[in-house]
Amino acid sequence: MSDTAMFDYFRLFNEIGIIEQLSRNMFEARLPPGFVLAQFSVLNHLVRVGDGRTPLAIAQAFQVPKTSMTHSLAVLERAGLIEIRKNPKDGRSKLVFITDAGRKFRQEAIDSIAPDLTRVAAALPHDQVERLLPDLEVLRKFLDRDRDVSA
């Protein structure tokens, strides 16, 4: 690979990283006090892939240590946004379920960023977003598979 191409790949990931930081800060400013994007992301994950997952499986999906995930789950459980139940198939493990309050919290959080997304839409037309999404999905799917292969 040429140096120019290598630098373009670096620039791609650098831009994604900067976008992640800016969008995280934008979203966290809209969350209720005491909540961060990591906790919202757990709720979003449970809605997207289905609940009834073990804390370890959720930690692995986010590529964070189990202790970090345990903290996020504790915050969510104290707020009544998830329930942690014993696994009926394995008494040693637990399963995480999103509550109705958790689903409502997630939707309200998504709704709360509407003013920010309206500003973004004024700068980035929808047709451009539609063109970007497929390529970003290809990259995400590759990185997801690659993580599992190289782990």
N, C-alpha and C. Protein backbone atom coordinates (compact mmCIF):
# COMPACT_ATOMS: atom_id res chain seq x y z
N MET A 1 0.85 -1.17 0.00
CA MET A 1 0.00 0.00 0.00
C MET A 1 0.90 1.24 0.00
N SER A 2 0.52 2.21 -0.79
CA SER A 2 1.33 3.43 -0.87
C SER A 2 1.19 4.25 0.41
N ASP A 3 2.15 5.12 0.64
CA ASP A 3 2.10 6.02 1.80
C ASP A 3 0.86 6.91 1.74
N THR A 4 0.51 7.34 0.54
CA THR A 4 -0.66 8.20 0.38
C THR A 4 -1.93 7.46 0.78
N ALA A 5 -2.06 6.22 0.32
CA ALA A 5 -3.23 5.42 0.66
C ALA A 5 -3.27 5.15 2.17
N MET A 6 -2.12 4.82 2.74
CA MET A 6 -2.04 4.56 4.18
C MET A 6 -2.50 5.79 4.97
N PHE A 7 -2.05 6.95 4.53
CA PHE A 7 -2.42 8.19 5.21
C PHE A 7 -3.92 8.46 5.06
N ASP A 8 -4.50 8.11 3.91
CA ASP A 8 -5.94 8.29 3.72
C ASP A 8 -6.73 7.40 4.69
N TYR A 9 -6.26 6.17 4.91
CA TYR A 9 -6.93 5.30 5.89
C TYR A 9 -6.81 5.90 7.30
N PHE A 10 -5.64 6.43 7.61
CA PHE A 10 -5.47 7.09 8.91
C PHE A 10 -6.43 8.27 9.02
N ARG A 11 -6.50 9.09 7.97
CA ARG A 11 -7.41 10.25 7.98
C ARG A 11 -8.85 9.82 8.18
N LEU A 12 -9.24 8.72 7.54
CA LEU A 12 -10.61 8.20 7.68
C LEU A 12 -10.91 7.92 9.15
N PHE A 13 -10.03 7.16 9.80
CA PHE A 13 -10.26 6.81 11.21
C PHE A 13 -10.13 8.03 12.12
N ASN A 14 -9.26 8.95 11.76
CA ASN A 14 -9.12 10.18 12.54
C ASN A 14 -10.42 10.98 12.49
N GLU A 15 -10.99 11.11 11.29
CA GLU A 15 -12.26 11.84 11.15
C GLU A 15 -13.38 11.14 11.92
N ILE A 16 -13.44 9.82 11.82
CA ILE A 16 -14.46 9.07 12.55
C ILE A 16 -14.31 9.30 14.05
N GLY A 17 -13.08 9.29 14.54
CA GLY A 17 -12.83 9.51 15.97
C GLY A 17 -13.26 10.89 16.42
N ILE A 18 -12.96 11.89 15.61
CA ILE A 18 -13.37 13.26 15.96
C ILE A 18 -14.89 13.38 15.93
N ILE A 19 -15.51 12.79 14.92
CA ILE A 19 -16.97 12.81 14.83
C ILE A 19 -17.58 12.10 16.04
N GLU A 20 -16.99 10.99 16.44
CA GLU A 20 -17.50 10.26 17.61
C GLU A 20 -17.44 11.14 18.84
N GLN A 21 -16.33 11.81 19.07
CA GLN A 21 -16.17 12.66 20.25
C GLN A 21 -17.18 13.81 20.24
N LEU A 22 -17.30 14.49 19.11
CA LEU A 22 -18.22 15.63 19.01
C LEU A 22 -19.67 15.18 19.15
N SER A 23 -20.03 14.08 18.52
CA SER A 23 -21.42 13.61 18.60
C SER A 23 -21.74 13.08 19.99
N ARG A 24 -20.78 12.44 20.65
CA ARG A 24 -20.99 11.98 22.02
C ARG A 24 -21.26 13.16 22.94
N ASN A 25 -20.44 14.19 22.83
CA ASN A 25 -20.65 15.37 23.67
C ASN A 25 -21.99 16.03 23.39
N MET A 26 -22.38 16.11 22.13
CA MET A 26 -23.66 16.69 21.75
C MET A 26 -24.81 15.90 22.38
N PHE A 27 -24.72 14.57 22.30
CA PHE A 27 -25.79 13.71 22.81
C PHE A 27 -25.82 13.73 24.34
N GLU A 28 -24.65 13.66 24.97
CA GLU A 28 -24.62 13.64 26.44
C GLU A 28 -25.17 14.94 27.03
N ALA A 29 -25.03 16.04 26.31
CA ALA A 29 -25.59 17.31 26.79
C ALA A 29 -27.11 17.26 26.87
N ARG A 30 -27.73 16.36 26.12
CA ARG A 30 -29.19 16.22 26.10
C ARG A 30 -29.69 15.16 27.09
N LEU A 31 -28.80 14.32 27.60
CA LEU A 31 -29.22 13.27 28.54
C LEU A 31 -29.49 13.89 29.91
N PRO A 32 -30.36 13.25 30.69
CA PRO A 32 -30.60 13.75 32.05
C PRO A 32 -29.30 13.71 32.86
N PRO A 33 -29.19 14.61 33.84
CA PRO A 33 -27.98 14.62 34.68
C PRO A 33 -27.72 13.24 35.28
N GLY A 34 -26.44 12.87 35.31
CA GLY A 34 -26.05 11.59 35.89
C GLY A 34 -25.96 10.46 34.88
N PHE A 35 -26.34 10.72 33.63
CA PHE A 35 -26.27 9.69 32.60
C PHE A 35 -25.26 10.09 31.53
N VAL A 36 -24.59 9.08 30.99
CA VAL A 36 -23.63 9.29 29.92
C VAL A 36 -24.00 8.39 28.74
N LEU A 37 -23.36 8.64 27.63
CA LEU A 37 -23.68 7.90 26.41
C LEU A 37 -23.49 6.39 26.58
N ALA A 38 -22.51 5.98 27.38
CA ALA A 38 -22.27 4.55 27.58
C ALA A 38 -23.53 3.86 28.12
N GLN A 39 -24.22 4.51 29.03
CA GLN A 39 -25.43 3.91 29.60
C GLN A 39 -26.57 3.91 28.59
N PHE A 40 -26.73 5.02 27.86
CA PHE A 40 -27.73 5.04 26.80
C PHE A 40 -27.44 3.94 25.79
N SER A 41 -26.17 3.76 25.45
CA SER A 41 -25.78 2.77 24.45
C SER A 41 -26.16 1.36 24.86
N VAL A 42 -26.10 1.07 26.15
CA VAL A 42 -26.53 -0.25 26.63
C VAL A 42 -28.02 -0.43 26.37
N LEU A 43 -28.82 0.59 26.69
CA LEU A 43 -30.26 0.50 26.43
C LEU A 43 -30.51 0.34 24.93
N ASN A 44 -29.81 1.10 24.13
CA ASN A 44 -29.98 1.02 22.68
C ASN A 44 -29.60 -0.37 22.17
N HIS A 45 -28.53 -0.92 22.72
CA HIS A 45 -28.07 -2.27 22.34
C HIS A 45 -29.15 -3.31 22.67
N LEU A 46 -29.73 -3.20 23.86
CA LEU A 46 -30.75 -4.17 24.28
C LEU A 46 -31.99 -4.08 23.40
N VAL A 47 -32.34 -2.88 22.96
CA VAL A 47 -33.48 -2.73 22.06
C VAL A 47 -33.12 -3.29 20.69
N ARG A 48 -31.91 -3.02 20.24
CA ARG A 48 -31.49 -3.41 18.88
C ARG A 48 -31.32 -4.93 18.74
N VAL A 49 -30.66 -5.56 19.71
CA VAL A 49 -30.35 -7.00 19.56
C VAL A 49 -31.23 -7.89 20.42
N GLY A 50 -32.02 -7.28 21.30
CA GLY A 50 -32.89 -8.06 22.18
C GLY A 50 -32.25 -8.22 23.55
N ASP A 51 -33.12 -8.21 24.55
CA ASP A 51 -32.56 -8.32 25.89
C ASP A 51 -32.44 -9.77 26.32
N GLY A 52 -32.12 -9.99 27.60
CA GLY A 52 -31.87 -11.34 28.07
C GLY A 52 -30.43 -11.77 27.84
N ARG A 53 -29.52 -10.81 27.73
CA ARG A 53 -28.09 -11.07 27.53
C ARG A 53 -27.38 -11.05 28.88
N THR A 54 -26.28 -11.75 28.96
CA THR A 54 -25.49 -11.72 30.20
C THR A 54 -24.67 -10.43 30.23
N PRO A 55 -24.32 -9.95 31.43
CA PRO A 55 -23.44 -8.78 31.51
C PRO A 55 -22.13 -9.00 30.75
N LEU A 56 -21.59 -10.21 30.79
CA LEU A 56 -20.35 -10.48 30.08
C LEU A 56 -20.54 -10.34 28.57
N ALA A 57 -21.65 -10.86 28.04
CA ALA A 57 -21.91 -10.74 26.60
C ALA A 57 -22.05 -9.29 26.19
N ILE A 58 -22.69 -8.48 27.03
CA ILE A 58 -22.84 -7.06 26.72
C ILE A 58 -21.47 -6.38 26.77
N ALA A 59 -20.68 -6.69 27.77
CA ALA A 59 -19.33 -6.12 27.88
C ALA A 59 -18.50 -6.48 26.64
N GLN A 60 -18.60 -7.72 26.21
CA GLN A 60 -17.85 -8.15 25.02
C GLN A 60 -18.33 -7.41 23.78
N ALA A 61 -19.63 -7.19 23.67
CA ALA A 61 -20.16 -6.48 22.51
C ALA A 61 -19.62 -5.05 22.45
N PHE A 62 -19.41 -4.45 23.63
CA PHE A 62 -18.89 -3.08 23.68
C PHE A 62 -17.38 -3.03 23.81
N GLN A 63 -16.77 -4.18 23.91
CA GLN A 63 -15.31 -4.28 24.06
C GLN A 63 -14.81 -3.47 25.25
N VAL A 64 -15.49 -3.65 26.38
CA VAL A 64 -15.07 -3.01 27.63
C VAL A 64 -14.91 -4.10 28.69
N PRO A 65 -14.13 -3.82 29.72
CA PRO A 65 -13.99 -4.80 30.80
C PRO A 65 -15.34 -5.04 31.49
N LYS A 66 -15.52 -6.24 32.00
CA LYS A 66 -16.78 -6.58 32.67
C LYS A 66 -17.03 -5.63 33.83
N THR A 67 -15.97 -5.19 34.53
CA THR A 67 -16.15 -4.28 35.66
C THR A 67 -16.74 -2.94 35.21
N SER A 68 -16.33 -2.45 34.06
CA SER A 68 -16.90 -1.20 33.53
C SER A 68 -18.37 -1.39 33.20
N MET A 69 -18.69 -2.53 32.58
CA MET A 69 -20.08 -2.79 32.24
C MET A 69 -20.91 -2.97 33.50
N THR A 70 -20.35 -3.61 34.51
CA THR A 70 -21.07 -3.80 35.76
C THR A 70 -21.47 -2.45 36.35
N HIS A 71 -20.58 -1.47 36.27
CA HIS A 71 -20.90 -0.12 36.76
C HIS A 71 -22.06 0.49 35.97
N SER A 72 -21.98 0.43 34.66
CA SER A 72 -23.06 0.98 33.82
C SER A 72 -24.38 0.30 34.10
N LEU A 73 -24.34 -1.01 34.24
CA LEU A 73 -25.57 -1.76 34.52
C LEU A 73 -26.14 -1.38 35.89
N ALA A 74 -25.27 -1.15 36.87
CA ALA A 74 -25.73 -0.76 38.20
C ALA A 74 -26.44 0.58 38.16
N VAL A 75 -25.90 1.53 37.40
CA VAL A 75 -26.54 2.85 37.26
C VAL A 75 -27.92 2.68 36.62
N LEU A 76 -27.99 1.90 35.58
CA LEU A 76 -29.26 1.68 34.87
C LEU A 76 -30.26 0.95 35.75
N GLU A 77 -29.79 -0.01 36.52
CA GLU A 77 -30.69 -0.76 37.39
C GLU A 77 -31.23 0.14 38.51
N ARG A 78 -30.36 0.94 39.13
CA ARG A 78 -30.81 1.86 40.18
C ARG A 78 -31.87 2.83 39.67
N ALA A 79 -31.75 3.21 38.40
CA ALA A 79 -32.71 4.14 37.80
C ALA A 79 -33.99 3.42 37.32
N GLY A 80 -34.02 2.10 37.44
CA GLY A 80 -35.20 1.35 37.02
C GLY A 80 -35.30 1.16 35.52
N LEU A 81 -34.20 1.34 34.81
CA LEU A 81 -34.21 1.25 33.36
C LEU A 81 -33.93 -0.15 32.84
N ILE A 82 -33.32 -0.97 33.68
CA ILE A 82 -33.11 -2.39 33.37
C ILE A 82 -33.42 -3.20 34.61
N GLU A 83 -33.61 -4.50 34.40
CA GLU A 83 -33.70 -5.47 35.48
C GLU A 83 -32.62 -6.52 35.25
N ILE A 84 -31.97 -6.90 36.32
CA ILE A 84 -30.98 -7.96 36.24
C ILE A 84 -31.56 -9.15 36.99
N ARG A 85 -31.74 -10.24 36.27
CA ARG A 85 -32.38 -11.43 36.84
C ARG A 85 -31.42 -12.61 36.80
N LYS A 86 -31.66 -13.56 37.68
CA LYS A 86 -30.87 -14.79 37.64
C LYS A 86 -31.18 -15.54 36.35
N ASN A 87 -30.16 -16.16 35.81
CA ASN A 87 -30.32 -16.96 34.60
C ASN A 87 -30.96 -18.28 34.99
N PRO A 88 -32.16 -18.59 34.50
CA PRO A 88 -32.82 -19.84 34.88
C PRO A 88 -32.07 -21.09 34.40
N LYS A 89 -31.21 -20.94 33.39
CA LYS A 89 -30.45 -22.07 32.86
C LYS A 89 -29.12 -22.25 33.56
N ASP A 90 -28.66 -21.20 34.24
CA ASP A 90 -27.35 -21.24 34.90
C ASP A 90 -27.42 -20.31 36.12
N GLY A 91 -27.60 -20.88 37.28
CA GLY A 91 -27.78 -20.10 38.49
C GLY A 91 -26.62 -19.19 38.84
N ARG A 92 -25.46 -19.41 38.22
CA ARG A 92 -24.30 -18.58 38.52
C ARG A 92 -24.29 -17.28 37.74
N SER A 93 -25.01 -17.24 36.63
CA SER A 93 -24.98 -16.03 35.81
C SER A 93 -26.30 -15.27 35.90
N LYS A 94 -26.26 -14.06 35.37
CA LYS A 94 -27.44 -13.20 35.39
C LYS A 94 -27.76 -12.77 33.96
N LEU A 95 -28.99 -12.32 33.78
CA LEU A 95 -29.43 -11.82 32.48
C LEU A 95 -29.96 -10.40 32.64
N VAL A 96 -29.78 -9.59 31.63
CA VAL A 96 -30.18 -8.19 31.67
C VAL A 96 -31.39 -7.98 30.76
N PHE A 97 -32.40 -7.32 31.31
CA PHE A 97 -33.63 -7.03 30.58
C PHE A 97 -33.94 -5.54 30.69
N ILE A 98 -34.31 -4.93 29.57
CA ILE A 98 -34.70 -3.52 29.59
C ILE A 98 -36.15 -3.44 30.07
N THR A 99 -36.44 -2.45 30.89
CA THR A 99 -37.79 -2.25 31.41
C THR A 99 -38.56 -1.31 30.48
N ASP A 100 -39.86 -1.20 30.73
CA ASP A 100 -40.65 -0.22 29.97
C ASP A 100 -40.10 1.19 30.19
N ALA A 101 -39.69 1.48 31.43
CA ALA A 101 -39.10 2.78 31.72
C ALA A 101 -37.81 2.97 30.93
N GLY A 102 -37.03 1.90 30.75
CA GLY A 102 -35.80 1.97 29.96
C GLY A 102 -36.09 2.25 28.50
N ARG A 103 -37.12 1.62 27.96
CA ARG A 103 -37.51 1.87 26.57
C ARG A 103 -37.97 3.32 26.40
N LYS A 104 -38.73 3.80 27.38
CA LYS A 104 -39.21 5.19 27.33
C LYS A 104 -38.02 6.16 27.43
N PHE A 105 -37.10 5.89 28.34
CA PHE A 105 -35.91 6.73 28.51
C PHE A 105 -35.14 6.79 27.19
N ARG A 106 -34.93 5.65 26.56
CA ARG A 106 -34.20 5.58 25.30
C ARG A 106 -34.88 6.44 24.24
N GLN A 107 -36.19 6.28 24.11
CA GLN A 107 -36.92 7.04 23.08
C GLN A 107 -36.88 8.53 23.37
N GLU A 108 -37.04 8.90 24.64
CA GLU A 108 -36.97 10.32 25.00
C GLU A 108 -35.58 10.89 24.73
N ALA A 109 -34.55 10.09 24.95
CA ALA A 109 -33.19 10.54 24.66
C ALA A 109 -33.01 10.77 23.16
N ILE A 110 -33.51 9.86 22.36
CA ILE A 110 -33.43 10.01 20.91
C ILE A 110 -34.21 11.26 20.48
N ASP A 111 -35.41 11.42 21.04
CA ASP A 111 -36.23 12.59 20.69
C ASP A 111 -35.53 13.89 21.10
N SER A 112 -34.78 13.85 22.20
CA SER A 112 -34.16 15.07 22.72
C SER A 112 -33.07 15.63 21.81
N ILE A 113 -32.52 14.80 20.93
CA ILE A 113 -31.47 15.30 20.04
C ILE A 113 -32.01 15.84 18.72
N ALA A 114 -33.34 15.87 18.60
CA ALA A 114 -33.95 16.37 17.35
C ALA A 114 -33.44 17.76 16.98
N PRO A 115 -33.33 18.71 17.92
CA PRO A 115 -32.82 20.03 17.51
C PRO A 115 -31.39 19.97 16.96
N ASP A 116 -30.57 19.11 17.54
CA ASP A 116 -29.20 18.96 17.06
C ASP A 116 -29.18 18.33 15.67
N LEU A 117 -30.01 17.31 15.48
CA LEU A 117 -30.05 16.65 14.18
C LEU A 117 -30.61 17.57 13.11
N THR A 118 -31.51 18.46 13.50
CA THR A 118 -32.04 19.44 12.55
C THR A 118 -30.92 20.36 12.06
N ARG A 119 -30.05 20.77 12.99
CA ARG A 119 -28.90 21.61 12.60
C ARG A 119 -27.95 20.83 11.70
N VAL A 120 -27.72 19.56 12.03
CA VAL A 120 -26.85 18.72 11.20
C VAL A 120 -27.45 18.59 9.80
N ALA A 121 -28.76 18.36 9.74
CA ALA A 121 -29.43 18.18 8.45
C ALA A 121 -29.32 19.42 7.57
N ALA A 122 -29.25 20.59 8.20
CA ALA A 122 -29.10 21.82 7.41
C ALA A 122 -27.72 21.88 6.76
N ALA A 123 -26.73 21.24 7.37
CA ALA A 123 -25.36 21.25 6.83
C ALA A 123 -25.05 20.03 5.98
N LEU A 124 -25.77 18.94 6.22
CA LEU A 124 -25.49 17.67 5.53
C LEU A 124 -26.82 17.13 4.99
N PRO A 125 -27.10 17.37 3.72
CA PRO A 125 -28.39 16.95 3.15
C PRO A 125 -28.62 15.44 3.27
N HIS A 126 -29.90 15.08 3.36
CA HIS A 126 -30.28 13.69 3.55
C HIS A 126 -29.72 12.77 2.47
N ASP A 127 -29.70 13.22 1.22
CA ASP A 127 -29.19 12.37 0.15
C ASP A 127 -27.71 12.05 0.37
N GLN A 128 -26.97 12.96 0.97
CA GLN A 128 -25.56 12.70 1.28
C GLN A 128 -25.45 11.66 2.40
N VAL A 129 -26.32 11.76 3.38
CA VAL A 129 -26.34 10.76 4.47
C VAL A 129 -26.66 9.39 3.89
N GLU A 130 -27.64 9.34 3.01
CA GLU A 130 -28.00 8.07 2.38
C GLU A 130 -26.82 7.47 1.61
N ARG A 131 -26.00 8.31 0.99
CA ARG A 131 -24.83 7.81 0.27
C ARG A 131 -23.73 7.34 1.21
N LEU A 132 -23.57 8.01 2.36
CA LEU A 132 -22.52 7.65 3.32
C LEU A 132 -22.82 6.36 4.08
N LEU A 133 -24.07 6.16 4.45
CA LEU A 133 -24.42 5.05 5.34
C LEU A 133 -23.98 3.66 4.85
N PRO A 134 -24.22 3.29 3.60
CA PRO A 134 -23.80 1.95 3.18
C PRO A 134 -22.30 1.70 3.35
N ASP A 135 -21.48 2.69 3.01
CA ASP A 135 -20.03 2.51 3.15
C ASP A 135 -19.63 2.42 4.62
N LEU A 136 -20.24 3.23 5.46
CA LEU A 136 -19.93 3.15 6.89
C LEU A 136 -20.37 1.81 7.47
N GLU A 137 -21.50 1.29 7.01
CA GLU A 137 -21.95 -0.02 7.47
C GLU A 137 -20.98 -1.12 7.05
N VAL A 138 -20.46 -1.03 5.84
CA VAL A 138 -19.47 -2.02 5.37
C VAL A 138 -18.24 -1.96 6.27
N LEU A 139 -17.77 -0.78 6.58
CA LEU A 139 -16.60 -0.62 7.45
C LEU A 139 -16.89 -1.17 8.84
N ARG A 140 -18.04 -0.83 9.41
CA ARG A 140 -18.40 -1.34 10.74
C ARG A 140 -18.47 -2.86 10.75
N LYS A 141 -19.11 -3.44 9.76
CA LYS A 141 -19.24 -4.90 9.72
C LYS A 141 -17.87 -5.57 9.59
N PHE A 142 -16.99 -4.98 8.77
CA PHE A 142 -15.64 -5.53 8.66
C PHE A 142 -14.93 -5.47 10.00
N LEU A 143 -14.96 -4.31 10.65
CA LEU A 143 -14.26 -4.16 11.93
C LEU A 143 -14.84 -5.09 12.99
N ASP A 144 -16.14 -5.29 12.96
CA ASP A 144 -16.79 -6.21 13.89
C ASP A 144 -16.31 -7.64 13.68
N ARG A 145 -16.30 -8.08 12.42
CA ARG A 145 -15.82 -9.43 12.11
C ARG A 145 -14.32 -9.57 12.42
N ASP A 146 -13.56 -8.56 12.06
CA ASP A 146 -12.12 -8.58 12.26
C ASP A 146 -11.78 -8.65 13.74
N ARG A 147 -12.55 -7.96 14.56
CA ARG A 147 -12.34 -7.99 16.02
C ARG A 147 -12.48 -9.44 16.51
N ASP A 148 -13.49 -10.11 16.03
CA ASP A 148 -13.74 -11.48 16.47
C ASP A 148 -12.66 -12.44 15.97
N VAL A 149 -12.12 -12.18 14.78
CA VAL A 149 -11.08 -13.04 14.20
C VAL A 149 -9.74 -12.82 14.87
N SER A 150 -9.41 -11.56 15.14
CA SER A 150 -8.09 -11.27 15.67
C SER A 150 -8.04 -11.30 17.20
N ALA A 151 -9.17 -11.59 17.83
CA ALA A 151 -9.17 -11.65 19.32
C ALA A 151 -8.59 -12.96 19.82
